[in-house]
Amino acid sequence: MMMARPESLQLIQEARATFVDGHFVAALILAMAFIEHAIVEDLQSRGKVQGSPTFAQALNLANEQRLFPPDWLKRAKRLSYRRNPFAHLKEDGHAHGLGQRVLDTKIHPRSIMESDAKDAIELMYSFLTATVRGFQMTE
């Protein structure tokens, strides 16, 4: 179970705020960062991993250990593919790039990004609910 580190809590707050403000790429990236934190920290707390594995490695380990519902992990993987062209430069026409997705679906890029961000935010809150445990703030 996650103790809700300050960095993770800030990611949640900023993912929500950027989504509300219509900054869908930022919301996607921030929500995915939280999801990665949640998965890796859960793996660490169970002694299944040390250090910081890649997101792909963390997803595979979480799937092998059956730590989260398989559909959540599949959604996280799909969303990571949609995040990656923004976080890691891809070649023109890359299958997961926004431009190619617009061409393939004939949907406006803003609508695509809003849908991706909404899915990521929903999944972020699912992981939050599954991993956070109560803690007491002291003055």
N, C-alpha and C. Protein backbone atom coordinates (compact mmCIF):
# COMPACT_ATOMS: atom_id res chain seq x y z
N MET A 1 0.83 -1.19 0.00
CA MET A 1 0.00 0.00 0.00
C MET A 1 0.87 1.25 0.00
N MET A 2 0.44 2.22 -0.71
CA MET A 2 1.19 3.45 -0.87
C MET A 2 0.89 4.41 0.29
N MET A 3 1.90 5.11 0.72
CA MET A 3 1.74 6.08 1.80
C MET A 3 1.42 7.46 1.26
N ALA A 4 1.27 7.61 -0.02
CA ALA A 4 0.96 8.90 -0.64
C ALA A 4 2.08 9.90 -0.39
N ARG A 5 3.17 9.69 -1.08
CA ARG A 5 4.31 10.60 -0.99
C ARG A 5 3.90 11.98 -1.49
N PRO A 6 4.57 13.01 -1.02
CA PRO A 6 4.21 14.37 -1.45
C PRO A 6 4.25 14.55 -2.97
N GLU A 7 5.23 13.93 -3.63
CA GLU A 7 5.32 14.04 -5.08
C GLU A 7 4.08 13.43 -5.75
N SER A 8 3.66 12.30 -5.24
CA SER A 8 2.49 11.62 -5.81
C SER A 8 1.23 12.44 -5.60
N LEU A 9 1.08 13.00 -4.42
CA LEU A 9 -0.09 13.84 -4.14
C LEU A 9 -0.10 15.07 -5.03
N GLN A 10 1.07 15.64 -5.28
CA GLN A 10 1.14 16.81 -6.15
C GLN A 10 0.77 16.44 -7.58
N LEU A 11 1.18 15.26 -8.02
CA LEU A 11 0.81 14.81 -9.37
C LEU A 11 -0.70 14.72 -9.52
N ILE A 12 -1.37 14.19 -8.50
CA ILE A 12 -2.84 14.08 -8.55
C ILE A 12 -3.46 15.46 -8.66
N GLN A 13 -3.02 16.36 -7.80
CA GLN A 13 -3.58 17.71 -7.79
C GLN A 13 -3.37 18.40 -9.13
N GLU A 14 -2.16 18.31 -9.66
CA GLU A 14 -1.88 19.00 -10.92
C GLU A 14 -2.53 18.32 -12.12
N ALA A 15 -2.64 17.00 -12.10
CA ALA A 15 -3.33 16.30 -13.19
C ALA A 15 -4.78 16.76 -13.25
N ARG A 16 -5.41 16.82 -12.10
CA ARG A 16 -6.80 17.26 -12.05
C ARG A 16 -6.94 18.71 -12.54
N ALA A 17 -6.07 19.59 -12.03
CA ALA A 17 -6.15 21.01 -12.38
C ALA A 17 -5.91 21.23 -13.87
N THR A 18 -4.94 20.53 -14.43
CA THR A 18 -4.65 20.73 -15.85
C THR A 18 -5.79 20.18 -16.71
N PHE A 19 -6.42 19.10 -16.26
CA PHE A 19 -7.56 18.57 -17.02
C PHE A 19 -8.70 19.58 -17.01
N VAL A 20 -9.01 20.10 -15.84
CA VAL A 20 -10.10 21.08 -15.71
C VAL A 20 -9.82 22.30 -16.58
N ASP A 21 -8.55 22.70 -16.66
CA ASP A 21 -8.18 23.86 -17.47
C ASP A 21 -8.07 23.54 -18.96
N GLY A 22 -8.26 22.28 -19.33
CA GLY A 22 -8.23 21.91 -20.74
C GLY A 22 -6.85 21.64 -21.30
N HIS A 23 -5.87 21.43 -20.43
CA HIS A 23 -4.51 21.11 -20.87
C HIS A 23 -4.37 19.58 -20.86
N PHE A 24 -4.88 18.96 -21.91
CA PHE A 24 -5.07 17.52 -21.91
C PHE A 24 -3.77 16.73 -22.03
N VAL A 25 -2.80 17.24 -22.76
CA VAL A 25 -1.51 16.54 -22.83
C VAL A 25 -0.86 16.54 -21.45
N ALA A 26 -0.87 17.68 -20.80
CA ALA A 26 -0.29 17.77 -19.45
C ALA A 26 -1.02 16.84 -18.49
N ALA A 27 -2.34 16.81 -18.58
CA ALA A 27 -3.12 15.93 -17.70
C ALA A 27 -2.77 14.47 -17.94
N LEU A 28 -2.62 14.09 -19.20
CA LEU A 28 -2.24 12.71 -19.54
C LEU A 28 -0.87 12.38 -18.95
N ILE A 29 0.09 13.26 -19.15
CA ILE A 29 1.45 13.00 -18.67
C ILE A 29 1.48 12.93 -17.14
N LEU A 30 0.81 13.84 -16.48
CA LEU A 30 0.81 13.85 -15.02
C LEU A 30 0.07 12.65 -14.44
N ALA A 31 -1.07 12.30 -15.02
CA ALA A 31 -1.81 11.14 -14.53
C ALA A 31 -1.00 9.86 -14.71
N MET A 32 -0.32 9.75 -15.85
CA MET A 32 0.50 8.57 -16.09
C MET A 32 1.69 8.53 -15.12
N ALA A 33 2.23 9.67 -14.78
CA ALA A 33 3.33 9.71 -13.80
C ALA A 33 2.83 9.19 -12.45
N PHE A 34 1.62 9.61 -12.05
CA PHE A 34 1.07 9.10 -10.79
C PHE A 34 0.86 7.59 -10.86
N ILE A 35 0.31 7.11 -11.95
CA ILE A 35 0.06 5.67 -12.10
C ILE A 35 1.38 4.90 -11.97
N GLU A 36 2.42 5.42 -12.59
CA GLU A 36 3.73 4.78 -12.47
C GLU A 36 4.20 4.78 -11.01
N HIS A 37 4.05 5.91 -10.33
CA HIS A 37 4.41 5.98 -8.91
C HIS A 37 3.66 4.92 -8.12
N ALA A 38 2.36 4.83 -8.34
CA ALA A 38 1.53 3.90 -7.57
C ALA A 38 1.95 2.45 -7.79
N ILE A 39 2.19 2.09 -9.04
CA ILE A 39 2.57 0.70 -9.35
C ILE A 39 3.94 0.39 -8.77
N VAL A 40 4.91 1.26 -9.01
CA VAL A 40 6.27 1.00 -8.54
C VAL A 40 6.32 0.98 -7.02
N GLU A 41 5.65 1.93 -6.38
CA GLU A 41 5.69 1.94 -4.92
C GLU A 41 5.02 0.70 -4.34
N ASP A 42 3.95 0.24 -4.95
CA ASP A 42 3.31 -0.98 -4.48
C ASP A 42 4.25 -2.17 -4.63
N LEU A 43 4.93 -2.25 -5.76
CA LEU A 43 5.91 -3.33 -5.97
C LEU A 43 7.04 -3.24 -4.94
N GLN A 44 7.53 -2.03 -4.68
CA GLN A 44 8.59 -1.84 -3.70
C GLN A 44 8.14 -2.25 -2.30
N SER A 45 6.93 -1.85 -1.93
CA SER A 45 6.44 -2.15 -0.58
C SER A 45 6.26 -3.64 -0.35
N ARG A 46 6.08 -4.39 -1.42
CA ARG A 46 5.92 -5.85 -1.33
C ARG A 46 7.26 -6.58 -1.51
N GLY A 47 8.33 -5.82 -1.70
CA GLY A 47 9.64 -6.43 -1.89
C GLY A 47 9.82 -7.09 -3.24
N LYS A 48 9.03 -6.70 -4.22
CA LYS A 48 9.09 -7.32 -5.55
C LYS A 48 10.08 -6.62 -6.47
N VAL A 49 10.52 -5.43 -6.09
CA VAL A 49 11.45 -4.67 -6.91
C VAL A 49 12.22 -3.71 -6.01
N GLN A 50 13.45 -3.46 -6.41
CA GLN A 50 14.24 -2.43 -5.75
C GLN A 50 14.56 -1.37 -6.78
N GLY A 51 14.72 -0.16 -6.32
CA GLY A 51 15.03 0.91 -7.25
C GLY A 51 13.82 1.31 -8.06
N SER A 52 14.10 1.78 -9.26
CA SER A 52 13.04 2.32 -10.10
C SER A 52 13.05 1.64 -11.47
N PRO A 53 12.23 0.61 -11.64
CA PRO A 53 12.17 -0.05 -12.95
C PRO A 53 11.51 0.85 -13.98
N THR A 54 11.68 0.50 -15.24
CA THR A 54 10.95 1.22 -16.28
C THR A 54 9.46 0.96 -16.10
N PHE A 55 8.66 1.79 -16.71
CA PHE A 55 7.21 1.61 -16.60
C PHE A 55 6.80 0.26 -17.19
N ALA A 56 7.39 -0.11 -18.31
CA ALA A 56 7.07 -1.40 -18.94
C ALA A 56 7.43 -2.55 -18.00
N GLN A 57 8.59 -2.47 -17.36
CA GLN A 57 8.98 -3.51 -16.41
C GLN A 57 8.02 -3.56 -15.23
N ALA A 58 7.65 -2.40 -14.73
CA ALA A 58 6.72 -2.34 -13.59
C ALA A 58 5.37 -2.93 -13.96
N LEU A 59 4.88 -2.61 -15.15
CA LEU A 59 3.60 -3.18 -15.60
C LEU A 59 3.68 -4.70 -15.69
N ASN A 60 4.77 -5.20 -16.25
CA ASN A 60 4.93 -6.65 -16.37
C ASN A 60 4.98 -7.32 -15.00
N LEU A 61 5.74 -6.75 -14.07
CA LEU A 61 5.82 -7.31 -12.72
C LEU A 61 4.47 -7.26 -12.01
N ALA A 62 3.79 -6.14 -12.13
CA ALA A 62 2.48 -6.00 -11.49
C ALA A 62 1.49 -7.01 -12.07
N ASN A 63 1.59 -7.25 -13.36
CA ASN A 63 0.72 -8.24 -14.00
C ASN A 63 1.07 -9.65 -13.52
N GLU A 64 2.36 -9.97 -13.49
CA GLU A 64 2.80 -11.29 -13.01
C GLU A 64 2.35 -11.54 -11.57
N GLN A 65 2.43 -10.50 -10.75
CA GLN A 65 2.08 -10.62 -9.33
C GLN A 65 0.58 -10.45 -9.08
N ARG A 66 -0.15 -10.11 -10.12
CA ARG A 66 -1.60 -9.89 -10.02
C ARG A 66 -1.94 -8.86 -8.93
N LEU A 67 -1.21 -7.75 -8.96
CA LEU A 67 -1.39 -6.72 -7.94
C LEU A 67 -2.60 -5.83 -8.21
N PHE A 68 -2.96 -5.71 -9.47
CA PHE A 68 -4.07 -4.84 -9.86
C PHE A 68 -4.90 -5.57 -10.91
N PRO A 69 -6.13 -5.14 -11.11
CA PRO A 69 -6.96 -5.77 -12.14
C PRO A 69 -6.26 -5.72 -13.51
N PRO A 70 -6.29 -6.82 -14.23
CA PRO A 70 -5.61 -6.86 -15.54
C PRO A 70 -6.07 -5.77 -16.50
N ASP A 71 -7.35 -5.41 -16.46
CA ASP A 71 -7.82 -4.37 -17.38
C ASP A 71 -7.21 -3.01 -17.03
N TRP A 72 -6.91 -2.75 -15.77
CA TRP A 72 -6.24 -1.50 -15.40
C TRP A 72 -4.84 -1.46 -16.00
N LEU A 73 -4.14 -2.59 -15.90
CA LEU A 73 -2.77 -2.63 -16.42
C LEU A 73 -2.76 -2.52 -17.94
N LYS A 74 -3.75 -3.11 -18.60
CA LYS A 74 -3.85 -2.97 -20.06
C LYS A 74 -4.14 -1.53 -20.44
N ARG A 75 -5.03 -0.88 -19.70
CA ARG A 75 -5.32 0.54 -19.97
C ARG A 75 -4.07 1.39 -19.75
N ALA A 76 -3.34 1.10 -18.68
CA ALA A 76 -2.12 1.86 -18.39
C ALA A 76 -1.10 1.70 -19.51
N LYS A 77 -0.98 0.49 -20.02
CA LYS A 77 -0.05 0.25 -21.12
C LYS A 77 -0.48 1.01 -22.37
N ARG A 78 -1.78 0.93 -22.69
CA ARG A 78 -2.30 1.65 -23.86
C ARG A 78 -2.08 3.15 -23.71
N LEU A 79 -2.36 3.67 -22.53
CA LEU A 79 -2.18 5.11 -22.30
C LEU A 79 -0.70 5.50 -22.34
N SER A 80 0.18 4.60 -21.93
CA SER A 80 1.61 4.93 -22.01
C SER A 80 2.04 5.07 -23.46
N TYR A 81 1.45 4.26 -24.34
CA TYR A 81 1.75 4.40 -25.77
C TYR A 81 1.26 5.75 -26.29
N ARG A 82 0.16 6.22 -25.76
CA ARG A 82 -0.38 7.51 -26.19
C ARG A 82 0.39 8.68 -25.58
N ARG A 83 0.95 8.46 -24.41
CA ARG A 83 1.77 9.49 -23.76
C ARG A 83 3.15 9.59 -24.41
N ASN A 84 3.71 8.46 -24.80
CA ASN A 84 5.11 8.41 -25.23
C ASN A 84 5.49 9.40 -26.33
N PRO A 85 4.68 9.61 -27.37
CA PRO A 85 5.11 10.58 -28.38
C PRO A 85 5.28 12.01 -27.85
N PHE A 86 4.64 12.31 -26.73
CA PHE A 86 4.82 13.63 -26.11
C PHE A 86 6.05 13.65 -25.20
N ALA A 87 6.36 12.52 -24.59
CA ALA A 87 7.49 12.45 -23.66
C ALA A 87 8.78 12.04 -24.36
N HIS A 88 8.68 11.30 -25.44
CA HIS A 88 9.84 10.79 -26.17
C HIS A 88 9.59 11.01 -27.66
N LEU A 89 10.39 11.84 -28.28
CA LEU A 89 10.17 12.18 -29.68
C LEU A 89 10.15 10.93 -30.55
N LYS A 90 9.11 10.81 -31.35
CA LYS A 90 8.94 9.69 -32.28
C LYS A 90 9.03 10.22 -33.72
N GLU A 91 9.28 9.31 -34.65
CA GLU A 91 9.35 9.71 -36.05
C GLU A 91 7.97 10.12 -36.55
N ASP A 92 7.96 10.94 -37.60
CA ASP A 92 6.69 11.31 -38.23
C ASP A 92 5.93 10.06 -38.65
N GLY A 93 4.64 10.09 -38.46
CA GLY A 93 3.81 8.96 -38.87
C GLY A 93 3.82 7.79 -37.91
N HIS A 94 4.44 7.96 -36.74
CA HIS A 94 4.46 6.87 -35.76
C HIS A 94 3.03 6.50 -35.39
N ALA A 95 2.76 5.23 -35.27
CA ALA A 95 1.40 4.73 -35.04
C ALA A 95 0.73 5.34 -33.81
N HIS A 96 1.51 5.69 -32.79
CA HIS A 96 0.92 6.24 -31.57
C HIS A 96 0.93 7.76 -31.54
N GLY A 97 1.53 8.38 -32.55
CA GLY A 97 1.58 9.84 -32.60
C GLY A 97 0.21 10.44 -32.84
N LEU A 98 0.01 11.62 -32.32
CA LEU A 98 -1.28 12.28 -32.45
C LEU A 98 -1.66 12.51 -33.91
N GLY A 99 -0.70 12.93 -34.71
CA GLY A 99 -0.99 13.18 -36.13
C GLY A 99 -1.50 11.93 -36.83
N GLN A 100 -0.85 10.82 -36.58
CA GLN A 100 -1.28 9.57 -37.22
C GLN A 100 -2.64 9.13 -36.70
N ARG A 101 -2.88 9.33 -35.42
CA ARG A 101 -4.17 8.96 -34.85
C ARG A 101 -5.29 9.82 -35.45
N VAL A 102 -5.01 11.10 -35.69
CA VAL A 102 -6.00 11.97 -36.33
C VAL A 102 -6.30 11.46 -37.74
N LEU A 103 -5.25 11.14 -38.48
CA LEU A 103 -5.44 10.63 -39.84
C LEU A 103 -6.22 9.31 -39.84
N ASP A 104 -5.91 8.44 -38.89
CA ASP A 104 -6.56 7.13 -38.84
C ASP A 104 -8.02 7.21 -38.41
N THR A 105 -8.32 8.10 -37.47
CA THR A 105 -9.68 8.14 -36.91
C THR A 105 -10.56 9.23 -37.48
N LYS A 106 -9.94 10.23 -38.10
CA LYS A 106 -10.69 11.39 -38.62
C LYS A 106 -11.38 12.15 -37.49
N ILE A 107 -10.77 12.12 -36.32
CA ILE A 107 -11.29 12.83 -35.15
C ILE A 107 -10.36 13.99 -34.85
N HIS A 108 -10.93 15.11 -34.43
CA HIS A 108 -10.15 16.30 -34.12
C HIS A 108 -9.12 15.99 -33.03
N PRO A 109 -7.90 16.52 -33.16
CA PRO A 109 -6.86 16.21 -32.17
C PRO A 109 -7.25 16.58 -30.74
N ARG A 110 -7.96 17.68 -30.57
CA ARG A 110 -8.36 18.07 -29.22
C ARG A 110 -9.31 17.03 -28.61
N SER A 111 -10.20 16.49 -29.41
CA SER A 111 -11.12 15.46 -28.92
C SER A 111 -10.37 14.19 -28.54
N ILE A 112 -9.39 13.84 -29.35
CA ILE A 112 -8.58 12.66 -29.04
C ILE A 112 -7.85 12.86 -27.72
N MET A 113 -7.23 14.02 -27.57
CA MET A 113 -6.46 14.27 -26.34
C MET A 113 -7.36 14.37 -25.12
N GLU A 114 -8.53 14.96 -25.28
CA GLU A 114 -9.46 15.03 -24.15
C GLU A 114 -9.88 13.62 -23.72
N SER A 115 -10.15 12.77 -24.67
CA SER A 115 -10.53 11.39 -24.36
C SER A 115 -9.40 10.64 -23.67
N ASP A 116 -8.18 10.79 -24.18
CA ASP A 116 -7.03 10.14 -23.55
C ASP A 116 -6.83 10.65 -22.12
N ALA A 117 -6.92 11.96 -21.95
CA ALA A 117 -6.72 12.56 -20.63
C ALA A 117 -7.80 12.10 -19.66
N LYS A 118 -9.03 12.04 -20.13
CA LYS A 118 -10.13 11.59 -19.27
C LYS A 118 -9.89 10.15 -18.82
N ASP A 119 -9.49 9.30 -19.74
CA ASP A 119 -9.21 7.90 -19.41
C ASP A 119 -8.07 7.82 -18.40
N ALA A 120 -7.03 8.62 -18.60
CA ALA A 120 -5.88 8.60 -17.69
C ALA A 120 -6.26 9.11 -16.30
N ILE A 121 -7.07 10.15 -16.23
CA ILE A 121 -7.50 10.69 -14.94
C ILE A 121 -8.36 9.66 -14.20
N GLU A 122 -9.27 9.04 -14.91
CA GLU A 122 -10.12 8.01 -14.28
C GLU A 122 -9.26 6.86 -13.75
N LEU A 123 -8.30 6.43 -14.55
CA LEU A 123 -7.42 5.34 -14.13
C LEU A 123 -6.54 5.77 -12.97
N MET A 124 -6.07 7.00 -12.98
CA MET A 124 -5.27 7.53 -11.88
C MET A 124 -6.04 7.41 -10.56
N TYR A 125 -7.31 7.81 -10.57
CA TYR A 125 -8.10 7.74 -9.35
C TYR A 125 -8.38 6.29 -8.94
N SER A 126 -8.47 5.39 -9.90
CA SER A 126 -8.62 3.98 -9.56
C SER A 126 -7.38 3.48 -8.82
N PHE A 127 -6.20 3.82 -9.35
CA PHE A 127 -4.97 3.41 -8.68
C PHE A 127 -4.82 4.10 -7.32
N LEU A 128 -5.23 5.34 -7.23
CA LEU A 128 -5.18 6.03 -5.94
C LEU A 128 -6.03 5.29 -4.91
N THR A 129 -7.25 4.98 -5.28
CA THR A 129 -8.16 4.29 -4.37
C THR A 129 -7.60 2.93 -3.95
N ALA A 130 -6.96 2.25 -4.88
CA ALA A 130 -6.45 0.91 -4.60
C ALA A 130 -5.16 0.91 -3.77
N THR A 131 -4.42 2.01 -3.79
CA THR A 131 -3.09 1.96 -3.17
C THR A 131 -2.89 2.86 -1.97
N VAL A 132 -3.66 3.88 -1.82
CA VAL A 132 -3.38 4.82 -0.73
C VAL A 132 -3.91 4.28 0.59
N ARG A 133 -3.17 4.51 1.63
CA ARG A 133 -3.63 4.15 2.96
C ARG A 133 -3.62 5.40 3.81
N GLY A 134 -4.41 5.40 4.80
CA GLY A 134 -4.55 6.58 5.64
C GLY A 134 -3.26 6.98 6.32
N PHE A 135 -3.13 8.25 6.54
CA PHE A 135 -1.99 8.75 7.28
C PHE A 135 -2.44 9.98 8.05
N GLN A 136 -1.72 10.27 9.11
CA GLN A 136 -2.05 11.38 9.98
C GLN A 136 -1.07 12.52 9.73
N MET A 137 -1.60 13.70 9.52
CA MET A 137 -0.76 14.89 9.40
C MET A 137 -0.54 15.43 10.81
N THR A 138 0.68 15.79 11.11
CA THR A 138 0.98 16.40 12.40
C THR A 138 1.46 17.82 12.17
N GLU A 139 1.24 18.64 13.15
CA GLU A 139 1.66 20.04 13.01
C GLU A 139 3.10 20.21 13.40
